[in-house]
Amino acid sequence: MCRNIRPLHNFEPPATGDEVSAAALQYVRKVSGSTKPSIANQAAFDAAVAEVAASTQRLLDQLVTSAPPKDREVEAAKARARAEARYAR
């Protein structure tokens, strides 16, 4: 999985449309192998991002869990600690 795509489910507050769109963009970039499509492919690229974002939002809206919502700041701190441990020299 692309390292730049972050889990979006079960956070308080819920994922925003911008977060969903950013994840969709990263996914389409990874699948297409291109960070910036050519002018000829821009429309297809943009349509794919919109479709993936819409599908992702529907998925997030339909998922259910009994786990308590995660706090974004706590999860970010955990990620920083893991990165620090991984890259500490």
PDB file of N, CA and C in Angstrom:
ATOM      1  N   MET A   1       0.842  -1.185   0.000  1.00  0.00           N
ATOM      2  CA  MET A   1       0.000   0.000   0.000  1.00  0.00           C
ATOM      3  C   MET A   1       0.880   1.238   0.000  1.00  0.00           C
ATOM      4  N   CYS A   2       0.436   2.253  -0.630  1.00  0.00           N
ATOM      5  CA  CYS A   2       1.185   3.496  -0.699  1.00  0.00           C
ATOM      6  C   CYS A   2       1.325   4.082   0.713  1.00  0.00           C
ATOM      7  N   ARG A   3       2.528   4.457   1.070  1.00  0.00           N
ATOM      8  CA  ARG A   3       2.770   4.971   2.418  1.00  0.00           C
ATOM      9  C   ARG A   3       2.066   6.295   2.681  1.00  0.00           C
ATOM     10  N   ASN A   4       1.748   7.033   1.635  1.00  0.00           N
ATOM     11  CA  ASN A   4       1.106   8.336   1.815  1.00  0.00           C
ATOM     12  C   ASN A   4      -0.398   8.239   2.026  1.00  0.00           C
ATOM     13  N   ILE A   5      -0.969   7.069   1.811  1.00  0.00           N
ATOM     14  CA  ILE A   5      -2.397   6.909   2.036  1.00  0.00           C
ATOM     15  C   ILE A   5      -2.594   6.478   3.482  1.00  0.00           C
ATOM     16  N   ARG A   6      -3.308   7.257   4.230  1.00  0.00           N
ATOM     17  CA  ARG A   6      -3.514   7.002   5.656  1.00  0.00           C
ATOM     18  C   ARG A   6      -4.914   6.445   5.900  1.00  0.00           C
ATOM     19  N   PRO A   7      -5.055   5.633   6.965  1.00  0.00           N
ATOM     20  CA  PRO A   7      -6.399   5.165   7.323  1.00  0.00           C
ATOM     21  C   PRO A   7      -7.301   6.367   7.615  1.00  0.00           C
ATOM     22  N   LEU A   8      -8.541   6.275   7.179  1.00  0.00           N
ATOM     23  CA  LEU A   8      -9.491   7.374   7.358  1.00  0.00           C
ATOM     24  C   LEU A   8     -10.699   6.979   8.197  1.00  0.00           C
ATOM     25  N   HIS A   9     -10.833   5.703   8.499  1.00  0.00           N
ATOM     26  CA  HIS A   9     -12.018   5.212   9.207  1.00  0.00           C
ATOM     27  C   HIS A   9     -11.849   5.321  10.716  1.00  0.00           C
ATOM     28  N   ASN A  10     -12.940   5.634  11.390  1.00  0.00           N
ATOM     29  CA  ASN A  10     -13.057   5.623  12.845  1.00  0.00           C
ATOM     30  C   ASN A  10     -12.188   6.680  13.521  1.00  0.00           C
ATOM     31  N   PHE A  11     -12.214   7.891  13.001  1.00  0.00           N
ATOM     32  CA  PHE A  11     -11.543   9.012  13.644  1.00  0.00           C
ATOM     33  C   PHE A  11     -12.574  10.021  14.099  1.00  0.00           C
ATOM     34  N   GLU A  12     -12.222  10.747  15.132  1.00  0.00           N
ATOM     35  CA  GLU A  12     -13.070  11.825  15.625  1.00  0.00           C
ATOM     36  C   GLU A  12     -12.262  13.097  15.543  1.00  0.00           C
ATOM     37  N   PRO A  13     -12.628  14.070  14.785  1.00  0.00           N
ATOM     38  CA  PRO A  13     -13.780  14.126  13.893  1.00  0.00           C
ATOM     39  C   PRO A  13     -13.558  13.250  12.661  1.00  0.00           C
ATOM     40  N   PRO A  14     -14.643  12.895  11.965  1.00  0.00           N
ATOM     41  CA  PRO A  14     -14.531  12.033  10.789  1.00  0.00           C
ATOM     42  C   PRO A  14     -13.665  12.664   9.695  1.00  0.00           C
ATOM     43  N   ALA A  15     -13.212  11.824   8.794  1.00  0.00           N
ATOM     44  CA  ALA A  15     -12.387  12.293   7.677  1.00  0.00           C
ATOM     45  C   ALA A  15     -13.133  13.345   6.869  1.00  0.00           C
ATOM     46  N   THR A  16     -12.415  14.356   6.453  1.00  0.00           N
ATOM     47  CA  THR A  16     -13.015  15.423   5.647  1.00  0.00           C
ATOM     48  C   THR A  16     -12.972  15.038   4.170  1.00  0.00           C
ATOM     49  N   GLY A  17     -13.718  15.765   3.384  1.00  0.00           N
ATOM     50  CA  GLY A  17     -13.697  15.551   1.944  1.00  0.00           C
ATOM     51  C   GLY A  17     -12.310  15.776   1.358  1.00  0.00           C
ATOM     52  N   ASP A  18     -11.577  16.726   1.917  1.00  0.00           N
ATOM     53  CA  ASP A  18     -10.205  16.983   1.444  1.00  0.00           C
ATOM     54  C   ASP A  18      -9.299  15.791   1.724  1.00  0.00           C
ATOM     55  N   GLU A  19      -9.455  15.165   2.885  1.00  0.00           N
ATOM     56  CA  GLU A  19      -8.644  13.986   3.211  1.00  0.00           C
ATOM     57  C   GLU A  19      -8.975  12.821   2.285  1.00  0.00           C
ATOM     58  N   VAL A  20     -10.250  12.648   2.006  1.00  0.00           N
ATOM     59  CA  VAL A  20     -10.685  11.577   1.097  1.00  0.00           C
ATOM     60  C   VAL A  20     -10.140  11.837  -0.297  1.00  0.00           C
ATOM     61  N   SER A  21     -10.215  13.068  -0.764  1.00  0.00           N
ATOM     62  CA  SER A  21      -9.698  13.425  -2.092  1.00  0.00           C
ATOM     63  C   SER A  21      -8.183  13.246  -2.165  1.00  0.00           C
ATOM     64  N   ALA A  22      -7.480  13.614  -1.106  1.00  0.00           N
ATOM     65  CA  ALA A  22      -6.023  13.451  -1.088  1.00  0.00           C
ATOM     66  C   ALA A  22      -5.648  11.975  -1.169  1.00  0.00           C
ATOM     67  N   ALA A  23      -6.373  11.120  -0.445  1.00  0.00           N
ATOM     68  CA  ALA A  23      -6.108   9.685  -0.507  1.00  0.00           C
ATOM     69  C   ALA A  23      -6.407   9.143  -1.901  1.00  0.00           C
ATOM     70  N   ALA A  24      -7.482   9.606  -2.513  1.00  0.00           N
ATOM     71  CA  ALA A  24      -7.837   9.174  -3.858  1.00  0.00           C
ATOM     72  C   ALA A  24      -6.763   9.601  -4.857  1.00  0.00           C
ATOM     73  N   LEU A  25      -6.272  10.812  -4.722  1.00  0.00           N
ATOM     74  CA  LEU A  25      -5.218  11.303  -5.600  1.00  0.00           C
ATOM     75  C   LEU A  25      -3.955  10.449  -5.469  1.00  0.00           C
ATOM     76  N   GLN A  26      -3.575  10.137  -4.245  1.00  0.00           N
ATOM     77  CA  GLN A  26      -2.386   9.301  -4.027  1.00  0.00           C
ATOM     78  C   GLN A  26      -2.578   7.925  -4.639  1.00  0.00           C
ATOM     79  N   TYR A  27      -3.765   7.364  -4.489  1.00  0.00           N
ATOM     80  CA  TYR A  27      -4.049   6.047  -5.057  1.00  0.00           C
ATOM     81  C   TYR A  27      -3.928   6.072  -6.579  1.00  0.00           C
ATOM     82  N   VAL A  28      -4.555   7.056  -7.213  1.00  0.00           N
ATOM     83  CA  VAL A  28      -4.527   7.144  -8.674  1.00  0.00           C
ATOM     84  C   VAL A  28      -3.100   7.402  -9.158  1.00  0.00           C
ATOM     85  N   ARG A  29      -2.356   8.215  -8.445  1.00  0.00           N
ATOM     86  CA  ARG A  29      -0.953   8.442  -8.815  1.00  0.00           C
ATOM     87  C   ARG A  29      -0.164   7.133  -8.758  1.00  0.00           C
ATOM     88  N   LYS A  30      -0.382   6.368  -7.713  1.00  0.00           N
ATOM     89  CA  LYS A  30       0.340   5.108  -7.558  1.00  0.00           C
ATOM     90  C   LYS A  30      -0.030   4.122  -8.663  1.00  0.00           C
ATOM     91  N   VAL A  31      -1.306   3.963  -8.915  1.00  0.00           N
ATOM     92  CA  VAL A  31      -1.773   3.009  -9.916  1.00  0.00           C
ATOM     93  C   VAL A  31      -1.330   3.422 -11.321  1.00  0.00           C
ATOM     94  N   SER A  32      -1.390   4.715 -11.615  1.00  0.00           N
ATOM     95  CA  SER A  32      -1.039   5.185 -12.956  1.00  0.00           C
ATOM     96  C   SER A  32       0.467   5.285 -13.160  1.00  0.00           C
ATOM     97  N   GLY A  33       1.211   5.342 -12.059  1.00  0.00           N
ATOM     98  CA  GLY A  33       2.653   5.494 -12.163  1.00  0.00           C
ATOM     99  C   GLY A  33       3.079   6.895 -12.547  1.00  0.00           C
ATOM    100  N   SER A  34       2.196   7.848 -12.334  1.00  0.00           N
ATOM    101  CA  SER A  34       2.464   9.224 -12.736  1.00  0.00           C
ATOM    102  C   SER A  34       1.992  10.188 -11.659  1.00  0.00           C
ATOM    103  N   THR A  35       2.868  11.110 -11.260  1.00  0.00           N
ATOM    104  CA  THR A  35       2.443  12.110 -10.283  1.00  0.00           C
ATOM    105  C   THR A  35       1.728  13.272 -10.956  1.00  0.00           C
ATOM    106  N   LYS A  36       2.063  13.504 -12.214  1.00  0.00           N
ATOM    107  CA  LYS A  36       1.399  14.560 -12.984  1.00  0.00           C
ATOM    108  C   LYS A  36       1.145  14.015 -14.376  1.00  0.00           C
ATOM    109  N   PRO A  37      -0.117  13.790 -14.713  1.00  0.00           N
ATOM    110  CA  PRO A  37      -0.418  13.228 -16.032  1.00  0.00           C
ATOM    111  C   PRO A  37      -0.159  14.234 -17.154  1.00  0.00           C
ATOM    112  N   SER A  38       0.019  13.721 -18.348  1.00  0.00           N
ATOM    113  CA  SER A  38       0.161  14.595 -19.514  1.00  0.00           C
ATOM    114  C   SER A  38      -1.175  15.286 -19.768  1.00  0.00           C
ATOM    115  N   ILE A  39      -1.139  16.312 -20.574  1.00  0.00           N
ATOM    116  CA  ILE A  39      -2.369  17.034 -20.910  1.00  0.00           C
ATOM    117  C   ILE A  39      -3.376  16.083 -21.552  1.00  0.00           C
ATOM    118  N   ALA A  40      -2.874  15.150 -22.362  1.00  0.00           N
ATOM    119  CA  ALA A  40      -3.763  14.196 -23.044  1.00  0.00           C
ATOM    120  C   ALA A  40      -4.474  13.272 -22.057  1.00  0.00           C
ATOM    121  N   ASN A  41      -3.847  13.015 -20.915  1.00  0.00           N
ATOM    122  CA  ASN A  41      -4.427  12.090 -19.926  1.00  0.00           C
ATOM    123  C   ASN A  41      -5.065  12.789 -18.730  1.00  0.00           C
ATOM    124  N   GLN A  42      -5.030  14.114 -18.688  1.00  0.00           N
ATOM    125  CA  GLN A  42      -5.518  14.853 -17.523  1.00  0.00           C
ATOM    126  C   GLN A  42      -6.988  14.574 -17.215  1.00  0.00           C
ATOM    127  N   ALA A  43      -7.830  14.543 -18.223  1.00  0.00           N
ATOM    128  CA  ALA A  43      -9.263  14.322 -18.002  1.00  0.00           C
ATOM    129  C   ALA A  43      -9.512  12.935 -17.416  1.00  0.00           C
ATOM    130  N   ALA A  44      -8.843  11.930 -17.947  1.00  0.00           N
ATOM    131  CA  ALA A  44      -9.007  10.563 -17.426  1.00  0.00           C
ATOM    132  C   ALA A  44      -8.492  10.484 -15.999  1.00  0.00           C
ATOM    133  N   PHE A  45      -7.375  11.127 -15.718  1.00  0.00           N
ATOM    134  CA  PHE A  45      -6.782  11.146 -14.386  1.00  0.00           C
ATOM    135  C   PHE A  45      -7.740  11.801 -13.388  1.00  0.00           C
ATOM    136  N   ASP A  46      -8.272  12.970 -13.748  1.00  0.00           N
ATOM    137  CA  ASP A  46      -9.193  13.697 -12.871  1.00  0.00           C
ATOM    138  C   ASP A  46     -10.484  12.898 -12.634  1.00  0.00           C
ATOM    139  N   ALA A  47     -10.986  12.247 -13.680  1.00  0.00           N
ATOM    140  CA  ALA A  47     -12.198  11.436 -13.532  1.00  0.00           C
ATOM    141  C   ALA A  47     -11.944  10.264 -12.596  1.00  0.00           C
ATOM    142  N   ALA A  48     -10.774   9.646 -12.713  1.00  0.00           N
ATOM    143  CA  ALA A  48     -10.435   8.517 -11.836  1.00  0.00           C
ATOM    144  C   ALA A  48     -10.342   8.976 -10.384  1.00  0.00           C
ATOM    145  N   VAL A  49      -9.722  10.122 -10.151  1.00  0.00           N
ATOM    146  CA  VAL A  49      -9.618  10.647  -8.787  1.00  0.00           C
ATOM    147  C   VAL A  49     -11.009  10.898  -8.213  1.00  0.00           C
ATOM    148  N   ALA A  50     -11.892  11.489  -8.992  1.00  0.00           N
ATOM    149  CA  ALA A  50     -13.256  11.772  -8.525  1.00  0.00           C
ATOM    150  C   ALA A  50     -14.020  10.485  -8.218  1.00  0.00           C
ATOM    151  N   GLU A  51     -13.875   9.478  -9.070  1.00  0.00           N
ATOM    152  CA  GLU A  51     -14.567   8.199  -8.845  1.00  0.00           C
ATOM    153  C   GLU A  51     -14.037   7.488  -7.608  1.00  0.00           C
ATOM    154  N   VAL A  52     -12.722   7.472  -7.449  1.00  0.00           N
ATOM    155  CA  VAL A  52     -12.132   6.815  -6.275  1.00  0.00           C
ATOM    156  C   VAL A  52     -12.538   7.556  -5.000  1.00  0.00           C
ATOM    157  N   ALA A  53     -12.544   8.877  -5.045  1.00  0.00           N
ATOM    158  CA  ALA A  53     -12.947   9.659  -3.875  1.00  0.00           C
ATOM    159  C   ALA A  53     -14.402   9.375  -3.511  1.00  0.00           C
ATOM    160  N   ALA A  54     -15.279   9.313  -4.512  1.00  0.00           N
ATOM    161  CA  ALA A  54     -16.692   9.036  -4.243  1.00  0.00           C
ATOM    162  C   ALA A  54     -16.874   7.634  -3.668  1.00  0.00           C
ATOM    163  N   SER A  55     -16.174   6.659  -4.218  1.00  0.00           N
ATOM    164  CA  SER A  55     -16.268   5.287  -3.700  1.00  0.00           C
ATOM    165  C   SER A  55     -15.730   5.201  -2.277  1.00  0.00           C
ATOM    166  N   THR A  56     -14.630   5.902  -2.029  1.00  0.00           N
ATOM    167  CA  THR A  56     -14.046   5.907  -0.691  1.00  0.00           C
ATOM    168  C   THR A  56     -15.001   6.530   0.316  1.00  0.00           C
ATOM    169  N   GLN A  57     -15.627   7.640  -0.056  1.00  0.00           N
ATOM    170  CA  GLN A  57     -16.563   8.296   0.865  1.00  0.00           C
ATOM    171  C   GLN A  57     -17.756   7.393   1.155  1.00  0.00           C
ATOM    172  N   ARG A  58     -18.273   6.705   0.134  1.00  0.00           N
ATOM    173  CA  ARG A  58     -19.384   5.763   0.358  1.00  0.00           C
ATOM    174  C   ARG A  58     -18.957   4.650   1.305  1.00  0.00           C
ATOM    175  N   LEU A  59     -17.757   4.136   1.114  1.00  0.00           N
ATOM    176  CA  LEU A  59     -17.257   3.087   1.997  1.00  0.00           C
ATOM    177  C   LEU A  59     -17.173   3.585   3.431  1.00  0.00           C
ATOM    178  N   LEU A  60     -16.575   4.742   3.633  1.00  0.00           N
ATOM    179  CA  LEU A  60     -16.441   5.286   4.991  1.00  0.00           C
ATOM    180  C   LEU A  60     -17.800   5.533   5.632  1.00  0.00           C
ATOM    181  N   ASP A  61     -18.766   5.966   4.833  1.00  0.00           N
ATOM    182  CA  ASP A  61     -20.109   6.233   5.357  1.00  0.00           C
ATOM    183  C   ASP A  61     -20.821   4.952   5.781  1.00  0.00           C
ATOM    184  N   GLN A  62     -20.473   3.822   5.161  1.00  0.00           N
ATOM    185  CA  GLN A  62     -21.175   2.569   5.436  1.00  0.00           C
ATOM    186  C   GLN A  62     -20.478   1.682   6.461  1.00  0.00           C
ATOM    187  N   LEU A  63     -19.208   1.933   6.748  1.00  0.00           N
ATOM    188  CA  LEU A  63     -18.496   1.097   7.709  1.00  0.00           C
ATOM    189  C   LEU A  63     -19.032   1.321   9.114  1.00  0.00           C
ATOM    190  N   VAL A  64     -19.110   0.236   9.877  1.00  0.00           N
ATOM    191  CA  VAL A  64     -19.529   0.314  11.278  1.00  0.00           C
ATOM    192  C   VAL A  64     -18.457  -0.342  12.139  1.00  0.00           C
ATOM    193  N   THR A  65     -18.359   0.103  13.369  1.00  0.00           N
ATOM    194  CA  THR A  65     -17.396  -0.471  14.303  1.00  0.00           C
ATOM    195  C   THR A  65     -17.898  -0.287  15.726  1.00  0.00           C
ATOM    196  N   SER A  66     -17.461  -1.184  16.590  1.00  0.00           N
ATOM    197  CA  SER A  66     -17.801  -1.033  18.008  1.00  0.00           C
ATOM    198  C   SER A  66     -16.633  -0.419  18.775  1.00  0.00           C
ATOM    199  N   ALA A  67     -15.512  -0.205  18.084  1.00  0.00           N
ATOM    200  CA  ALA A  67     -14.340   0.402  18.722  1.00  0.00           C
ATOM    201  C   ALA A  67     -14.567   1.895  18.910  1.00  0.00           C
ATOM    202  N   PRO A  68     -14.018   2.453  19.970  1.00  0.00           N
ATOM    203  CA  PRO A  68     -14.154   3.902  20.155  1.00  0.00           C
ATOM    204  C   PRO A  68     -13.356   4.646  19.086  1.00  0.00           C
ATOM    205  N   PRO A  69     -13.805   5.839  18.710  1.00  0.00           N
ATOM    206  CA  PRO A  69     -13.084   6.612  17.698  1.00  0.00           C
ATOM    207  C   PRO A  69     -11.660   6.934  18.152  1.00  0.00           C
ATOM    208  N   LYS A  70     -10.744   6.952  17.184  1.00  0.00           N
ATOM    209  CA  LYS A  70      -9.352   7.279  17.475  1.00  0.00           C
ATOM    210  C   LYS A  70      -9.173   8.795  17.418  1.00  0.00           C
ATOM    211  N   ASP A  71      -8.235   9.261  18.230  1.00  0.00           N
ATOM    212  CA  ASP A  71      -7.893  10.678  18.263  1.00  0.00           C
ATOM    213  C   ASP A  71      -6.763  10.925  17.263  1.00  0.00           C
ATOM    214  N   ARG A  72      -6.940  11.890  16.386  1.00  0.00           N
ATOM    215  CA  ARG A  72      -5.946  12.156  15.342  1.00  0.00           C
ATOM    216  C   ARG A  72      -4.588  12.539  15.918  1.00  0.00           C
ATOM    217  N   GLU A  73      -4.579  13.358  16.950  1.00  0.00           N
ATOM    218  CA  GLU A  73      -3.310  13.801  17.541  1.00  0.00           C
ATOM    219  C   GLU A  73      -2.560  12.637  18.185  1.00  0.00           C
ATOM    220  N   VAL A  74      -3.285  11.769  18.872  1.00  0.00           N
ATOM    221  CA  VAL A  74      -2.654  10.605  19.505  1.00  0.00           C
ATOM    222  C   VAL A  74      -2.065   9.690  18.439  1.00  0.00           C
ATOM    223  N   GLU A  75      -2.811   9.442  17.374  1.00  0.00           N
ATOM    224  CA  GLU A  75      -2.324   8.570  16.296  1.00  0.00           C
ATOM    225  C   GLU A  75      -1.122   9.198  15.592  1.00  0.00           C
ATOM    226  N   ALA A  76      -1.140  10.508  15.404  1.00  0.00           N
ATOM    227  CA  ALA A  76      -0.005  11.194  14.777  1.00  0.00           C
ATOM    228  C   ALA A  76       1.236  11.094  15.658  1.00  0.00           C
ATOM    229  N   ALA A  77       1.058  11.219  16.964  1.00  0.00           N
ATOM    230  CA  ALA A  77       2.191  11.095  17.891  1.00  0.00           C
ATOM    231  C   ALA A  77       2.768   9.688  17.844  1.00  0.00           C
ATOM    232  N   LYS A  78       1.905   8.686  17.767  1.00  0.00           N
ATOM    233  CA  LYS A  78       2.380   7.302  17.659  1.00  0.00           C
ATOM    234  C   LYS A  78       3.183   7.112  16.378  1.00  0.00           C
ATOM    235  N   ALA A  79       2.705   7.670  15.276  1.00  0.00           N
ATOM    236  CA  ALA A  79       3.395   7.550  13.989  1.00  0.00           C
ATOM    237  C   ALA A  79       4.755   8.238  14.045  1.00  0.00           C
ATOM    238  N   ARG A  80       4.819   9.412  14.680  1.00  0.00           N
ATOM    239  CA  ARG A  80       6.102  10.105  14.811  1.00  0.00           C
ATOM    240  C   ARG A  80       7.073   9.288  15.639  1.00  0.00           C
ATOM    241  N   ALA A  81       6.591   8.672  16.715  1.00  0.00           N
ATOM    242  CA  ALA A  81       7.454   7.846  17.565  1.00  0.00           C
ATOM    243  C   ALA A  81       7.975   6.636  16.788  1.00  0.00           C
ATOM    244  N   ARG A  82       7.104   6.007  15.985  1.00  0.00           N
ATOM    245  CA  ARG A  82       7.557   4.868  15.169  1.00  0.00           C
ATOM    246  C   ARG A  82       8.609   5.308  14.162  1.00  0.00           C
ATOM    247  N   ALA A  83       8.391   6.452  13.533  1.00  0.00           N
ATOM    248  CA  ALA A  83       9.351   6.964  12.543  1.00  0.00           C
ATOM    249  C   ALA A  83      10.674   7.296  13.204  1.00  0.00           C
ATOM    250  N   GLU A  84      10.610   7.902  14.371  1.00  0.00           N
ATOM    251  CA  GLU A  84      11.835   8.247  15.091  1.00  0.00           C
ATOM    252  C   GLU A  84      12.634   6.998  15.453  1.00  0.00           C
ATOM    253  N   ALA A  85      11.928   5.969  15.917  1.00  0.00           N
ATOM    254  CA  ALA A  85      12.601   4.715  16.256  1.00  0.00           C
ATOM    255  C   ALA A  85      13.184   4.051  15.013  1.00  0.00           C
ATOM    256  N   ARG A  86      12.464   4.121  13.912  1.00  0.00           N
ATOM    257  CA  ARG A  86      12.907   3.484  12.673  1.00  0.00           C
ATOM    258  C   ARG A  86      14.122   4.183  12.081  1.00  0.00           C
ATOM    259  N   TYR A  87      14.145   5.513  12.130  1.00  0.00           N
ATOM    260  CA  TYR A  87      15.185   6.271  11.444  1.00  0.00           C
ATOM    261  C   TYR A  87      16.261   6.809  12.382  1.00  0.00           C
ATOM    262  N   ALA A  88      16.157   6.546  13.664  1.00  0.00           N
ATOM    263  CA  ALA A  88      17.172   7.010  14.624  1.00  0.00           C
ATOM    264  C   ALA A  88      18.493   6.309  14.340  1.00  0.00           C
ATOM    265  N   ARG A  89      19.552   7.057  14.395  1.00  0.00           N
ATOM    266  CA  ARG A  89      20.870   6.462  14.112  1.00  0.00           C
ATOM    267  C   ARG A  89      21.822   6.785  15.214  1.00  0.00           C
TER     268      ARG A  89
END
